[in-house]
N, C-alpha and C. Protein backbone atom coordinates (compact mmCIF):
# COMPACT_ATOMS: atom_id res chain seq x y z
N UNK A 1 129.31 92.14 124.93
CA UNK A 1 128.42 91.22 124.28
C UNK A 1 129.23 90.33 123.35
N UNK A 2 128.98 89.04 123.42
CA UNK A 2 129.74 88.11 122.59
C UNK A 2 129.14 88.06 121.20
N UNK A 3 130.01 87.89 120.25
CA UNK A 3 129.58 87.79 118.85
C UNK A 3 129.20 86.36 118.54
N UNK A 4 128.06 86.18 117.87
CA UNK A 4 127.67 84.84 117.43
C UNK A 4 128.25 84.62 116.04
N UNK A 5 128.80 83.41 115.85
CA UNK A 5 129.34 83.07 114.56
C UNK A 5 128.22 82.84 113.56
N UNK A 6 128.58 82.86 112.32
CA UNK A 6 127.57 82.59 111.31
C UNK A 6 127.25 81.09 111.33
N UNK A 7 126.00 80.74 111.13
CA UNK A 7 125.66 79.30 111.19
C UNK A 7 126.27 78.55 110.02
N UNK A 8 126.59 77.30 110.28
CA UNK A 8 127.16 76.46 109.24
C UNK A 8 126.11 76.18 108.18
N UNK A 9 126.56 75.80 107.04
CA UNK A 9 125.65 75.54 105.93
C UNK A 9 124.72 74.39 106.27
N UNK A 10 123.43 74.56 106.05
CA UNK A 10 122.46 73.51 106.30
C UNK A 10 121.78 73.63 107.64
N UNK A 11 122.30 74.43 108.58
CA UNK A 11 121.65 74.60 109.86
C UNK A 11 120.51 75.60 109.71
N UNK A 12 119.38 75.33 110.36
CA UNK A 12 118.28 76.30 110.26
C UNK A 12 118.62 77.58 111.01
N UNK A 13 118.19 78.67 110.46
CA UNK A 13 118.48 79.96 111.07
C UNK A 13 117.13 80.58 111.46
N UNK A 14 116.74 80.41 112.72
CA UNK A 14 115.46 80.92 113.17
C UNK A 14 115.68 81.94 114.27
N UNK A 15 114.78 82.88 114.32
CA UNK A 15 114.81 83.91 115.35
C UNK A 15 113.60 83.72 116.25
N UNK A 16 113.73 83.85 117.57
CA UNK A 16 112.56 83.74 118.46
C UNK A 16 111.63 84.94 118.26
N UNK A 17 110.34 84.70 118.38
CA UNK A 17 109.36 85.78 118.27
C UNK A 17 109.28 86.50 119.60
N UNK A 18 109.39 87.79 119.56
CA UNK A 18 109.33 88.58 120.77
C UNK A 18 107.92 89.12 120.91
N UNK A 19 107.25 88.76 122.00
CA UNK A 19 105.89 89.23 122.26
C UNK A 19 105.94 90.35 123.29
N UNK A 20 105.30 91.45 122.96
CA UNK A 20 105.28 92.57 123.90
C UNK A 20 104.41 92.23 125.10
N UNK A 21 104.72 92.74 126.30
CA UNK A 21 103.95 92.40 127.50
C UNK A 21 102.50 92.85 127.43
N UNK A 22 102.18 93.92 126.72
CA UNK A 22 100.80 94.40 126.69
C UNK A 22 100.02 93.84 125.51
N UNK A 23 100.56 92.92 124.79
CA UNK A 23 99.88 92.34 123.63
C UNK A 23 98.75 91.43 124.10
N UNK A 24 97.57 91.57 123.51
CA UNK A 24 96.43 90.73 123.86
C UNK A 24 96.54 89.41 123.12
N UNK A 25 96.14 88.34 123.79
CA UNK A 25 96.20 87.02 123.19
C UNK A 25 94.82 86.68 122.65
N UNK A 26 94.60 86.97 121.40
CA UNK A 26 93.32 86.70 120.78
C UNK A 26 93.51 85.70 119.66
N UNK A 27 92.44 85.03 119.35
CA UNK A 27 92.49 84.06 118.25
C UNK A 27 92.58 84.82 116.94
N UNK A 28 93.53 84.46 116.07
CA UNK A 28 93.66 85.16 114.80
C UNK A 28 92.50 84.80 113.87
N UNK A 29 92.27 85.68 112.89
CA UNK A 29 91.18 85.47 111.94
C UNK A 29 91.51 84.38 110.93
N UNK A 30 92.74 84.16 110.66
CA UNK A 30 93.11 83.12 109.69
C UNK A 30 94.07 82.14 110.35
N UNK A 31 94.30 81.03 109.67
CA UNK A 31 95.21 80.02 110.22
C UNK A 31 94.44 78.82 110.71
N UNK A 32 95.15 77.92 111.38
CA UNK A 32 94.55 76.67 111.81
C UNK A 32 93.63 76.84 113.02
N UNK A 33 93.78 77.91 113.78
CA UNK A 33 92.95 78.13 114.95
C UNK A 33 93.52 77.53 116.21
N UNK A 34 94.66 76.87 116.13
CA UNK A 34 95.27 76.29 117.31
C UNK A 34 96.51 77.12 117.65
N UNK A 35 96.49 77.77 118.78
CA UNK A 35 97.60 78.59 119.20
C UNK A 35 97.92 78.29 120.65
N UNK A 36 99.21 78.20 120.97
CA UNK A 36 99.63 77.98 122.35
C UNK A 36 100.64 79.06 122.67
N UNK A 37 100.37 79.82 123.73
CA UNK A 37 101.28 80.87 124.18
C UNK A 37 101.78 80.49 125.56
N UNK A 38 103.08 80.56 125.76
CA UNK A 38 103.67 80.30 127.08
C UNK A 38 104.11 81.65 127.63
N UNK A 39 103.59 81.99 128.81
CA UNK A 39 103.87 83.27 129.41
C UNK A 39 104.66 83.04 130.70
N UNK A 40 105.84 83.55 130.78
CA UNK A 40 106.62 83.47 132.02
C UNK A 40 106.90 82.03 132.41
N UNK A 41 106.72 81.74 133.69
CA UNK A 41 107.02 80.41 134.21
C UNK A 41 105.75 79.59 134.32
N UNK A 42 105.49 78.78 133.37
CA UNK A 42 104.41 77.82 133.46
C UNK A 42 103.04 78.34 133.06
N UNK A 43 102.84 79.65 132.87
CA UNK A 43 101.53 80.15 132.46
C UNK A 43 101.28 79.84 131.00
N UNK A 44 100.09 79.38 130.66
CA UNK A 44 99.79 79.04 129.28
C UNK A 44 98.40 79.53 128.91
N UNK A 45 98.24 79.84 127.65
CA UNK A 45 96.92 80.08 127.08
C UNK A 45 96.84 79.21 125.85
N UNK A 46 95.84 78.39 125.80
CA UNK A 46 95.68 77.47 124.69
C UNK A 46 94.36 77.71 124.01
N UNK A 47 94.37 77.84 122.71
CA UNK A 47 93.16 78.03 121.92
C UNK A 47 93.00 76.86 120.96
N UNK A 48 91.81 76.30 120.90
CA UNK A 48 91.54 75.20 119.97
C UNK A 48 90.42 75.62 119.04
N UNK A 49 90.55 75.25 117.79
CA UNK A 49 89.52 75.56 116.81
C UNK A 49 88.33 74.64 116.99
N UNK A 50 87.14 75.12 116.68
CA UNK A 50 85.95 74.28 116.73
C UNK A 50 85.99 73.33 115.54
N UNK A 51 85.61 72.06 115.75
CA UNK A 51 85.66 71.12 114.63
C UNK A 51 84.59 71.47 113.59
N UNK A 52 84.98 71.35 112.34
CA UNK A 52 84.05 71.60 111.25
C UNK A 52 83.32 70.34 110.85
N UNK A 53 82.48 70.40 109.83
CA UNK A 53 81.73 69.23 109.42
C UNK A 53 82.62 68.10 108.89
N UNK A 54 83.70 68.44 108.22
CA UNK A 54 84.58 67.40 107.69
C UNK A 54 85.29 66.66 108.82
N UNK A 55 85.78 67.38 109.82
CA UNK A 55 86.46 66.70 110.93
C UNK A 55 85.46 65.88 111.76
N UNK A 56 84.21 66.33 111.86
CA UNK A 56 83.20 65.54 112.55
C UNK A 56 82.90 64.26 111.79
N UNK A 57 82.87 64.34 110.45
CA UNK A 57 82.64 63.16 109.63
C UNK A 57 83.80 62.16 109.76
N UNK A 58 85.02 62.67 109.74
CA UNK A 58 86.19 61.80 109.89
C UNK A 58 86.20 61.15 111.27
N UNK A 59 85.86 61.90 112.32
CA UNK A 59 85.81 61.35 113.67
C UNK A 59 84.74 60.28 113.78
N UNK A 60 83.59 60.48 113.12
CA UNK A 60 82.52 59.48 113.12
C UNK A 60 82.96 58.21 112.41
N UNK A 61 83.64 58.35 111.28
CA UNK A 61 84.11 57.19 110.53
C UNK A 61 85.15 56.41 111.35
N UNK A 62 86.06 57.12 111.99
CA UNK A 62 87.09 56.45 112.80
C UNK A 62 86.44 55.74 113.99
N UNK A 63 85.51 56.39 114.66
CA UNK A 63 84.82 55.78 115.79
C UNK A 63 84.03 54.56 115.34
N UNK A 64 83.36 54.64 114.19
CA UNK A 64 82.62 53.50 113.66
C UNK A 64 83.55 52.34 113.32
N UNK A 65 84.71 52.64 112.74
CA UNK A 65 85.67 51.59 112.41
C UNK A 65 86.17 50.91 113.68
N UNK A 66 86.44 51.67 114.73
CA UNK A 66 86.88 51.10 116.00
C UNK A 66 85.80 50.20 116.61
N UNK A 67 84.55 50.64 116.51
CA UNK A 67 83.45 49.81 117.03
C UNK A 67 83.30 48.52 116.23
N UNK A 68 83.45 48.59 114.92
CA UNK A 68 83.36 47.39 114.09
C UNK A 68 84.49 46.41 114.43
N UNK A 69 85.70 46.93 114.59
CA UNK A 69 86.83 46.06 114.95
C UNK A 69 86.60 45.41 116.31
N UNK A 70 86.08 46.18 117.27
CA UNK A 70 85.79 45.63 118.60
C UNK A 70 84.72 44.55 118.52
N UNK A 71 83.68 44.80 117.72
CA UNK A 71 82.61 43.81 117.56
C UNK A 71 83.11 42.53 116.91
N UNK A 72 83.92 42.67 115.88
CA UNK A 72 84.47 41.48 115.22
C UNK A 72 85.36 40.70 116.19
N UNK A 73 86.16 41.37 116.98
CA UNK A 73 87.01 40.71 117.95
C UNK A 73 86.17 39.98 119.00
N UNK A 74 85.12 40.64 119.50
CA UNK A 74 84.27 40.02 120.51
C UNK A 74 83.55 38.80 119.95
N UNK A 75 83.04 38.90 118.73
CA UNK A 75 82.38 37.75 118.10
C UNK A 75 83.36 36.62 117.85
N UNK A 76 84.58 36.94 117.48
CA UNK A 76 85.61 35.92 117.28
C UNK A 76 85.91 35.17 118.58
N UNK A 77 86.04 35.92 119.67
CA UNK A 77 86.28 35.29 120.97
C UNK A 77 85.10 34.41 121.35
N UNK A 78 83.88 34.89 121.10
CA UNK A 78 82.69 34.11 121.43
C UNK A 78 82.62 32.82 120.61
N UNK A 79 82.92 32.90 119.32
CA UNK A 79 82.89 31.70 118.48
C UNK A 79 83.98 30.70 118.88
N UNK A 80 85.16 31.18 119.20
CA UNK A 80 86.22 30.27 119.63
C UNK A 80 85.86 29.63 120.96
N UNK A 81 85.28 30.40 121.89
CA UNK A 81 84.86 29.83 123.18
C UNK A 81 83.77 28.79 122.97
N UNK A 82 82.83 29.05 122.07
CA UNK A 82 81.77 28.07 121.79
C UNK A 82 82.36 26.80 121.18
N UNK A 83 83.35 26.94 120.32
CA UNK A 83 84.01 25.77 119.72
C UNK A 83 84.73 24.95 120.79
N UNK A 84 85.42 25.62 121.70
CA UNK A 84 86.14 24.90 122.76
C UNK A 84 85.15 24.17 123.67
N UNK A 85 84.05 24.82 124.03
CA UNK A 85 83.04 24.18 124.87
C UNK A 85 82.43 22.98 124.14
N UNK A 86 82.16 23.14 122.85
CA UNK A 86 81.62 22.02 122.05
C UNK A 86 82.56 20.84 122.00
N UNK A 87 83.84 21.09 121.81
CA UNK A 87 84.83 20.00 121.77
C UNK A 87 84.90 19.32 123.13
N UNK A 88 84.86 20.08 124.21
CA UNK A 88 84.88 19.48 125.55
C UNK A 88 83.65 18.61 125.79
N UNK A 89 82.48 19.07 125.36
CA UNK A 89 81.25 18.28 125.54
C UNK A 89 81.33 16.99 124.74
N UNK A 90 81.78 17.07 123.50
CA UNK A 90 81.93 15.86 122.68
C UNK A 90 82.94 14.92 123.30
N UNK A 91 84.05 15.46 123.81
CA UNK A 91 85.06 14.61 124.44
C UNK A 91 84.50 13.92 125.68
N UNK A 92 83.70 14.61 126.49
CA UNK A 92 83.11 14.01 127.68
C UNK A 92 82.11 12.91 127.29
N UNK A 93 81.31 13.16 126.27
CA UNK A 93 80.35 12.15 125.83
C UNK A 93 81.06 10.93 125.29
N UNK A 94 82.07 11.11 124.47
CA UNK A 94 82.83 9.97 123.94
C UNK A 94 83.55 9.22 125.05
N UNK A 95 84.06 9.95 126.02
CA UNK A 95 84.73 9.30 127.15
C UNK A 95 83.75 8.45 127.94
N UNK A 96 82.55 8.96 128.15
CA UNK A 96 81.52 8.21 128.87
C UNK A 96 81.12 6.95 128.10
N UNK A 97 80.91 7.08 126.80
CA UNK A 97 80.55 5.92 125.97
C UNK A 97 81.67 4.89 125.94
N UNK A 98 82.90 5.36 125.80
CA UNK A 98 84.04 4.43 125.77
C UNK A 98 84.22 3.73 127.11
N UNK A 99 84.02 4.44 128.23
CA UNK A 99 84.14 3.83 129.55
C UNK A 99 83.05 2.75 129.73
N UNK A 100 81.83 3.05 129.30
CA UNK A 100 80.74 2.06 129.40
C UNK A 100 81.02 0.85 128.53
N UNK A 101 81.56 1.04 127.34
CA UNK A 101 81.88 -0.07 126.45
C UNK A 101 82.97 -0.96 127.04
N UNK A 102 83.99 -0.31 127.63
CA UNK A 102 85.10 -1.07 128.24
C UNK A 102 84.64 -1.84 129.47
N UNK A 103 83.66 -1.31 130.22
CA UNK A 103 83.14 -2.03 131.41
C UNK A 103 82.41 -3.31 130.98
N UNK A 104 81.70 -3.24 129.85
CA UNK A 104 80.95 -4.43 129.37
C UNK A 104 81.89 -5.53 128.90
N UNK A 105 83.07 -5.17 128.43
CA UNK A 105 84.02 -6.17 127.95
C UNK A 105 84.65 -6.96 129.09
N UNK A 106 84.70 -6.44 130.28
CA UNK A 106 85.33 -7.16 131.39
C UNK A 106 84.57 -8.32 131.84
């Protein structure tokens, strides 16, 4: 067996957690509630905590903010499109009036 040297100063010194084969994968009573276990080659068990009232409130606020931003963007596009159409209509009317005026001068 080869000897491992001592880690240099400042390097993290972590040990892998050894899980026994007969250990049950249950959600712990404390902690964040999110646990991911990788078993062998590609097998996974993933646990997610149920959202509480605070996370539901934050999700609602974020969703509402996204909807407001989308609405403002859509209204902005609509107003700019209406302005462009209005300018085109005014330009066509002025062009028609100017063409009629120039025909009378001939």
